[in-house]
Amino acid sequence: MKRVVIAGLMILGIMLISGVAFAQADAGKAMMIQYTVLAAGLAIGLGAIGSGIGMGTAIGGACEGTSRNPEAGGRILTTMIIGLAMIESLTIYALVVALILLFGNPYIK
């Protein structure tokens, strides 16, 4: 719970401070850039957190399975590697979404 509160306060601080960084005459465009940067950061951040948790769980399960049945270690390793590649694709998708938000945003132009 403490981590959630700290993360919420950090996001609130970033939202409040980013107005100074993007201060310009056109306030509407500056707000759009602020929210775009915030959305891109949240997209990649949440994608990376989800992937990290998934990878940790997968590797822990594979280690436990191999320790219980060492003869099945090869099949467990193969399945784990394929699963980790699928989990890693989530982070790559989040990166693509963040890059689209930053560089392909039609509302900024």
N, C-alpha and C. Protein backbone atom coordinates (compact mmCIF):
# COMPACT_ATOMS: atom_id res chain seq x y z
N MET A 1 0.82 -1.19 0.00
CA MET A 1 0.00 0.00 0.00
C MET A 1 0.87 1.25 0.00
N LYS A 2 1.98 1.17 0.74
CA LYS A 2 2.87 2.31 0.82
C LYS A 2 3.47 2.64 -0.54
N ARG A 3 3.79 1.60 -1.32
CA ARG A 3 4.36 1.81 -2.65
C ARG A 3 3.35 2.48 -3.57
N VAL A 4 2.09 2.11 -3.46
CA VAL A 4 1.06 2.70 -4.30
C VAL A 4 0.91 4.18 -3.99
N VAL A 5 0.94 4.51 -2.71
CA VAL A 5 0.84 5.92 -2.32
C VAL A 5 2.03 6.71 -2.83
N ILE A 6 3.22 6.15 -2.70
CA ILE A 6 4.42 6.84 -3.18
C ILE A 6 4.37 7.01 -4.70
N ALA A 7 3.95 5.96 -5.41
CA ALA A 7 3.84 6.06 -6.87
C ALA A 7 2.80 7.10 -7.27
N GLY A 8 1.68 7.15 -6.55
CA GLY A 8 0.66 8.16 -6.83
C GLY A 8 1.16 9.57 -6.61
N LEU A 9 1.89 9.76 -5.53
CA LEU A 9 2.45 11.08 -5.26
C LEU A 9 3.50 11.48 -6.30
N MET A 10 4.28 10.51 -6.76
CA MET A 10 5.26 10.81 -7.80
C MET A 10 4.57 11.21 -9.10
N ILE A 11 3.51 10.50 -9.47
CA ILE A 11 2.78 10.85 -10.69
C ILE A 11 2.16 12.23 -10.56
N LEU A 12 1.59 12.52 -9.41
CA LEU A 12 1.00 13.84 -9.18
C LEU A 12 2.06 14.93 -9.27
N GLY A 13 3.23 14.69 -8.70
CA GLY A 13 4.32 15.65 -8.77
C GLY A 13 4.79 15.87 -10.19
N ILE A 14 4.88 14.80 -10.96
CA ILE A 14 5.30 14.94 -12.36
C ILE A 14 4.28 15.75 -13.14
N MET A 15 3.01 15.50 -12.88
CA MET A 15 1.96 16.25 -13.59
C MET A 15 2.01 17.73 -13.23
N LEU A 16 2.29 18.05 -11.98
CA LEU A 16 2.32 19.45 -11.58
C LEU A 16 3.57 20.17 -12.06
N ILE A 17 4.70 19.49 -12.04
CA ILE A 17 5.97 20.12 -12.41
C ILE A 17 6.13 20.20 -13.92
N SER A 18 5.53 19.28 -14.66
CA SER A 18 5.74 19.28 -16.11
C SER A 18 5.15 20.52 -16.78
N GLY A 19 4.24 21.21 -16.13
CA GLY A 19 3.69 22.45 -16.69
C GLY A 19 4.75 23.52 -16.85
N VAL A 20 5.71 23.55 -15.95
CA VAL A 20 6.79 24.53 -16.04
C VAL A 20 7.69 24.20 -17.22
N ALA A 21 7.94 22.93 -17.45
CA ALA A 21 8.84 22.54 -18.53
C ALA A 21 8.24 22.84 -19.90
N PHE A 22 6.93 22.73 -20.02
CA PHE A 22 6.28 22.94 -21.30
C PHE A 22 5.51 24.26 -21.36
N ALA A 23 5.90 25.23 -20.56
CA ALA A 23 5.21 26.52 -20.54
C ALA A 23 5.43 27.24 -21.86
N GLN A 24 4.35 27.62 -22.51
CA GLN A 24 4.39 28.37 -23.74
C GLN A 24 3.12 29.20 -23.85
N ALA A 25 3.03 29.96 -24.93
CA ALA A 25 1.87 30.83 -25.10
C ALA A 25 0.61 30.02 -25.34
N ASP A 26 0.72 28.92 -26.06
CA ASP A 26 -0.44 28.08 -26.37
C ASP A 26 -0.62 27.05 -25.27
N ALA A 27 -1.48 27.35 -24.32
CA ALA A 27 -1.64 26.48 -23.15
C ALA A 27 -2.29 25.15 -23.52
N GLY A 28 -3.19 25.14 -24.50
CA GLY A 28 -3.85 23.90 -24.89
C GLY A 28 -2.88 22.88 -25.45
N LYS A 29 -1.98 23.36 -26.29
CA LYS A 29 -0.97 22.46 -26.86
C LYS A 29 0.00 21.97 -25.79
N ALA A 30 0.34 22.85 -24.86
CA ALA A 30 1.25 22.45 -23.78
C ALA A 30 0.63 21.37 -22.91
N MET A 31 -0.66 21.49 -22.61
CA MET A 31 -1.34 20.48 -21.80
C MET A 31 -1.39 19.15 -22.56
N MET A 32 -1.61 19.20 -23.87
CA MET A 32 -1.65 17.98 -24.66
C MET A 32 -0.30 17.28 -24.64
N ILE A 33 0.77 18.05 -24.73
CA ILE A 33 2.11 17.46 -24.68
C ILE A 33 2.37 16.86 -23.30
N GLN A 34 1.93 17.55 -22.25
CA GLN A 34 2.10 17.02 -20.89
C GLN A 34 1.43 15.67 -20.74
N TYR A 35 0.19 15.59 -21.15
CA TYR A 35 -0.55 14.35 -20.98
C TYR A 35 -0.03 13.25 -21.90
N THR A 36 0.50 13.63 -23.05
CA THR A 36 1.09 12.64 -23.94
C THR A 36 2.34 12.04 -23.32
N VAL A 37 3.18 12.88 -22.76
CA VAL A 37 4.40 12.39 -22.11
C VAL A 37 4.06 11.53 -20.90
N LEU A 38 3.08 11.95 -20.13
CA LEU A 38 2.64 11.16 -18.98
C LEU A 38 2.08 9.80 -19.41
N ALA A 39 1.26 9.79 -20.46
CA ALA A 39 0.68 8.54 -20.94
C ALA A 39 1.76 7.61 -21.48
N ALA A 40 2.74 8.16 -22.17
CA ALA A 40 3.83 7.32 -22.69
C ALA A 40 4.65 6.73 -21.54
N GLY A 41 4.92 7.52 -20.53
CA GLY A 41 5.66 7.01 -19.38
C GLY A 41 4.90 5.93 -18.63
N LEU A 42 3.60 6.14 -18.46
CA LEU A 42 2.79 5.13 -17.78
C LEU A 42 2.69 3.85 -18.61
N ALA A 43 2.59 4.00 -19.93
CA ALA A 43 2.48 2.81 -20.78
C ALA A 43 3.72 1.93 -20.66
N ILE A 44 4.88 2.53 -20.79
CA ILE A 44 6.10 1.73 -20.72
C ILE A 44 6.36 1.25 -19.30
N GLY A 45 6.03 2.07 -18.31
CA GLY A 45 6.24 1.68 -16.92
C GLY A 45 5.39 0.50 -16.50
N LEU A 46 4.10 0.58 -16.80
CA LEU A 46 3.20 -0.51 -16.43
C LEU A 46 3.52 -1.78 -17.23
N GLY A 47 3.89 -1.60 -18.50
CA GLY A 47 4.27 -2.77 -19.29
C GLY A 47 5.51 -3.46 -18.74
N ALA A 48 6.48 -2.67 -18.31
CA ALA A 48 7.71 -3.24 -17.75
C ALA A 48 7.46 -3.91 -16.40
N ILE A 49 6.62 -3.28 -15.58
CA ILE A 49 6.31 -3.89 -14.28
C ILE A 49 5.59 -5.22 -14.46
N GLY A 50 4.62 -5.24 -15.36
CA GLY A 50 3.89 -6.49 -15.61
C GLY A 50 4.79 -7.58 -16.14
N SER A 51 5.68 -7.21 -17.05
CA SER A 51 6.61 -8.20 -17.60
C SER A 51 7.59 -8.71 -16.55
N GLY A 52 8.05 -7.81 -15.71
CA GLY A 52 8.98 -8.23 -14.65
C GLY A 52 8.34 -9.21 -13.68
N ILE A 53 7.12 -8.92 -13.29
CA ILE A 53 6.41 -9.83 -12.37
C ILE A 53 6.17 -11.18 -13.05
N GLY A 54 5.75 -11.14 -14.32
CA GLY A 54 5.50 -12.39 -15.05
C GLY A 54 6.76 -13.22 -15.24
N MET A 55 7.86 -12.56 -15.56
CA MET A 55 9.11 -13.28 -15.74
C MET A 55 9.61 -13.89 -14.44
N GLY A 56 9.49 -13.14 -13.36
CA GLY A 56 9.90 -13.68 -12.06
C GLY A 56 9.10 -14.90 -11.67
N THR A 57 7.80 -14.84 -11.90
CA THR A 57 6.93 -15.98 -11.59
C THR A 57 7.27 -17.17 -12.47
N ALA A 58 7.50 -16.94 -13.76
CA ALA A 58 7.82 -18.03 -14.68
C ALA A 58 9.15 -18.69 -14.33
N ILE A 59 10.15 -17.90 -14.05
CA ILE A 59 11.45 -18.47 -13.73
C ILE A 59 11.41 -19.21 -12.40
N GLY A 60 10.69 -18.65 -11.43
CA GLY A 60 10.53 -19.34 -10.14
C GLY A 60 9.84 -20.68 -10.30
N GLY A 61 8.78 -20.70 -11.12
CA GLY A 61 8.09 -21.97 -11.36
C GLY A 61 8.94 -22.98 -12.09
N ALA A 62 9.74 -22.50 -13.04
CA ALA A 62 10.62 -23.42 -13.78
C ALA A 62 11.71 -23.98 -12.88
N CYS A 63 12.26 -23.16 -12.02
CA CYS A 63 13.28 -23.66 -11.08
C CYS A 63 12.69 -24.67 -10.11
N GLU A 64 11.50 -24.39 -9.64
CA GLU A 64 10.85 -25.32 -8.72
C GLU A 64 10.51 -26.63 -9.42
N GLY A 65 10.03 -26.54 -10.66
CA GLY A 65 9.70 -27.76 -11.41
C GLY A 65 10.92 -28.58 -11.71
N THR A 66 12.03 -27.94 -12.06
CA THR A 66 13.27 -28.66 -12.34
C THR A 66 13.84 -29.31 -11.09
N SER A 67 13.70 -28.63 -9.95
CA SER A 67 14.22 -29.22 -8.71
C SER A 67 13.38 -30.41 -8.27
N ARG A 68 12.12 -30.42 -8.59
CA ARG A 68 11.27 -31.57 -8.22
C ARG A 68 11.45 -32.74 -9.17
N ASN A 69 11.68 -32.42 -10.47
CA ASN A 69 11.83 -33.48 -11.47
C ASN A 69 12.98 -33.11 -12.41
N PRO A 70 14.21 -33.42 -12.05
CA PRO A 70 15.36 -33.02 -12.86
C PRO A 70 15.38 -33.61 -14.27
N GLU A 71 14.72 -34.75 -14.46
CA GLU A 71 14.71 -35.38 -15.77
C GLU A 71 13.90 -34.57 -16.78
N ALA A 72 12.95 -33.79 -16.31
CA ALA A 72 12.11 -32.99 -17.20
C ALA A 72 12.67 -31.58 -17.38
N GLY A 73 13.91 -31.36 -16.96
CA GLY A 73 14.52 -30.03 -17.01
C GLY A 73 14.60 -29.46 -18.41
N GLY A 74 14.89 -30.29 -19.41
CA GLY A 74 14.99 -29.81 -20.79
C GLY A 74 13.67 -29.30 -21.33
N ARG A 75 12.59 -30.05 -21.09
CA ARG A 75 11.28 -29.61 -21.57
C ARG A 75 10.81 -28.38 -20.81
N ILE A 76 11.10 -28.33 -19.51
CA ILE A 76 10.70 -27.16 -18.72
C ILE A 76 11.46 -25.93 -19.19
N LEU A 77 12.76 -26.10 -19.49
CA LEU A 77 13.56 -24.97 -19.96
C LEU A 77 13.04 -24.45 -21.30
N THR A 78 12.71 -25.36 -22.22
CA THR A 78 12.20 -24.95 -23.52
C THR A 78 10.88 -24.19 -23.38
N THR A 79 9.99 -24.72 -22.58
CA THR A 79 8.71 -24.06 -22.36
C THR A 79 8.90 -22.71 -21.69
N MET A 80 9.83 -22.63 -20.75
CA MET A 80 10.09 -21.36 -20.06
C MET A 80 10.64 -20.31 -21.02
N ILE A 81 11.55 -20.70 -21.90
CA ILE A 81 12.13 -19.75 -22.85
C ILE A 81 11.05 -19.22 -23.80
N ILE A 82 10.19 -20.09 -24.28
CA ILE A 82 9.09 -19.65 -25.15
C ILE A 82 8.15 -18.71 -24.38
N GLY A 83 7.84 -19.06 -23.15
CA GLY A 83 6.98 -18.20 -22.33
C GLY A 83 7.61 -16.85 -22.04
N LEU A 84 8.92 -16.83 -21.78
CA LEU A 84 9.60 -15.55 -21.53
C LEU A 84 9.60 -14.68 -22.78
N ALA A 85 9.71 -15.30 -23.95
CA ALA A 85 9.64 -14.51 -25.19
C ALA A 85 8.26 -13.89 -25.35
N MET A 86 7.22 -14.63 -25.00
CA MET A 86 5.86 -14.08 -25.08
C MET A 86 5.67 -12.95 -24.07
N ILE A 87 6.21 -13.13 -22.88
CA ILE A 87 6.08 -12.09 -21.86
C ILE A 87 6.85 -10.84 -22.28
N GLU A 88 8.02 -11.03 -22.86
CA GLU A 88 8.83 -9.89 -23.28
C GLU A 88 8.16 -9.09 -24.39
N SER A 89 7.34 -9.77 -25.19
CA SER A 89 6.64 -9.06 -26.26
C SER A 89 5.68 -8.01 -25.69
N LEU A 90 5.18 -8.20 -24.48
CA LEU A 90 4.33 -7.19 -23.85
C LEU A 90 5.10 -5.90 -23.63
N THR A 91 6.32 -5.99 -23.20
CA THR A 91 7.14 -4.79 -23.01
C THR A 91 7.43 -4.11 -24.34
N ILE A 92 7.67 -4.90 -25.38
CA ILE A 92 7.92 -4.31 -26.69
C ILE A 92 6.67 -3.62 -27.21
N TYR A 93 5.50 -4.20 -26.99
CA TYR A 93 4.25 -3.54 -27.40
C TYR A 93 4.05 -2.24 -26.63
N ALA A 94 4.37 -2.24 -25.35
CA ALA A 94 4.26 -1.01 -24.56
C ALA A 94 5.22 0.05 -25.08
N LEU A 95 6.43 -0.36 -25.47
CA LEU A 95 7.38 0.58 -26.04
C LEU A 95 6.86 1.17 -27.35
N VAL A 96 6.26 0.34 -28.18
CA VAL A 96 5.70 0.82 -29.45
C VAL A 96 4.57 1.82 -29.19
N VAL A 97 3.71 1.52 -28.23
CA VAL A 97 2.62 2.44 -27.90
C VAL A 97 3.19 3.76 -27.38
N ALA A 98 4.21 3.69 -26.55
CA ALA A 98 4.82 4.92 -26.02
C ALA A 98 5.45 5.74 -27.14
N LEU A 99 6.12 5.09 -28.08
CA LEU A 99 6.73 5.81 -29.19
C LEU A 99 5.68 6.42 -30.11
N ILE A 100 4.57 5.71 -30.32
CA ILE A 100 3.49 6.27 -31.12
C ILE A 100 2.89 7.49 -30.43
N LEU A 101 2.72 7.40 -29.12
CA LEU A 101 2.19 8.55 -28.38
C LEU A 101 3.12 9.75 -28.46
N LEU A 102 4.42 9.51 -28.38
CA LEU A 102 5.36 10.61 -28.38
C LEU A 102 5.59 11.22 -29.75
N PHE A 103 5.71 10.38 -30.78
CA PHE A 103 6.12 10.89 -32.09
C PHE A 103 5.03 10.86 -33.15
N GLY A 104 3.96 10.16 -32.93
CA GLY A 104 2.90 10.09 -33.94
C GLY A 104 1.58 10.64 -33.47
N ASN A 105 1.60 11.50 -32.49
CA ASN A 105 0.37 12.05 -31.92
C ASN A 105 -0.22 13.08 -32.87
N PRO A 106 -1.40 12.81 -33.42
CA PRO A 106 -1.99 13.78 -34.37
C PRO A 106 -2.56 15.02 -33.69
N TYR A 107 -2.77 14.99 -32.40
CA TYR A 107 -3.37 16.13 -31.71
C TYR A 107 -2.38 17.24 -31.42
N ILE A 108 -1.10 16.96 -31.48
CA ILE A 108 -0.09 17.97 -31.17
C ILE A 108 0.11 18.92 -32.34
N LYS A 109 -0.06 18.43 -33.56
CA LYS A 109 0.23 19.24 -34.75
C LYS A 109 -0.84 20.27 -35.04
